[in-house]
Protein backbone atom coordinates (compact mmCIF):
# COMPACT_ATOMS: atom_id res chain seq x y z
CA MET A 1 -12.16 5.16 -10.42
CA ALA A 2 -12.02 8.24 -12.56
CA LYS A 3 -10.17 8.06 -15.84
CA ILE A 4 -7.47 10.61 -17.16
CA LYS A 5 -6.04 10.80 -20.74
CA VAL A 6 -2.20 11.75 -20.73
CA THR A 7 -0.64 13.16 -23.87
CA LYS A 8 3.07 13.62 -24.25
CA VAL A 9 3.67 17.21 -25.72
CA LYS A 10 7.51 17.75 -24.94
CA SER A 11 10.57 15.67 -25.77
CA THR A 12 12.66 13.61 -22.91
CA ILE A 13 15.92 14.31 -24.82
CA GLU A 14 18.50 15.63 -22.10
CA LYS A 15 16.02 14.76 -19.19
CA ASP A 16 16.60 12.62 -16.26
CA GLU A 17 16.65 8.92 -16.69
CA ARG A 18 13.73 8.62 -14.17
CA GLN A 19 11.68 10.81 -15.99
CA LYS A 20 12.33 8.99 -19.05
CA ARG A 21 11.20 5.72 -17.49
CA THR A 22 8.22 7.32 -16.14
CA ILE A 23 7.00 8.36 -19.44
CA GLN A 24 7.57 4.95 -20.54
CA ALA A 25 5.38 3.47 -17.47
CA LEU A 26 2.69 5.93 -18.48
CA GLY A 27 2.54 4.18 -21.88
CA LEU A 28 3.84 7.09 -23.89
CA GLY A 29 6.20 7.21 -26.59
CA LYS A 30 6.63 9.66 -29.41
CA ILE A 31 5.45 13.30 -28.85
CA GLY A 32 1.81 13.40 -29.55
CA THR A 33 0.88 10.07 -28.15
CA SER A 34 -1.95 9.52 -25.63
CA ASN A 35 -2.98 7.10 -23.20
CA VAL A 36 -6.19 6.59 -20.98
CA LEU A 37 -5.34 5.50 -17.32
CA GLU A 38 -7.19 5.08 -14.31
CA ASN A 39 -6.64 7.86 -11.77
CA THR A 40 -5.03 5.64 -8.90
CA PRO A 41 -2.60 7.28 -6.38
CA ALA A 42 0.47 5.57 -8.27
CA VAL A 43 -0.40 6.95 -11.43
CA ALA A 44 -1.13 10.31 -9.91
CA GLY A 45 2.33 10.38 -8.51
CA MET A 46 3.90 9.46 -11.81
CA VAL A 47 1.78 12.38 -13.64
CA ARG A 48 2.97 14.68 -10.79
CA LYS A 49 6.72 14.09 -11.54
CA VAL A 50 6.65 14.59 -15.51
CA LEU A 51 3.82 17.06 -15.51
CA HIS A 52 6.01 19.44 -17.54
CA LEU A 53 6.22 16.86 -20.24
CA ILE A 54 2.64 15.80 -20.47
CA LYS A 55 -0.85 17.18 -20.82
CA VAL A 56 -3.70 15.71 -18.59
CA GLU A 57 -7.27 15.74 -19.41
CA ASN A 58 -10.44 14.19 -17.87
CA ALA A 59 -11.43 11.04 -20.11
């Protein structure tokens, strides 16, 4: 599988609880933190739900 690098670029303050938990499930904490993940269908779905809060790059 291909790998993607996700970086948190916006705050989750005043966001829905589901979005906060999705960010945590992607392994992101503070703004600026990054994580390299395999691009599985489950991860791709989570990325789509919080795309406005993160930046996605090929790893």
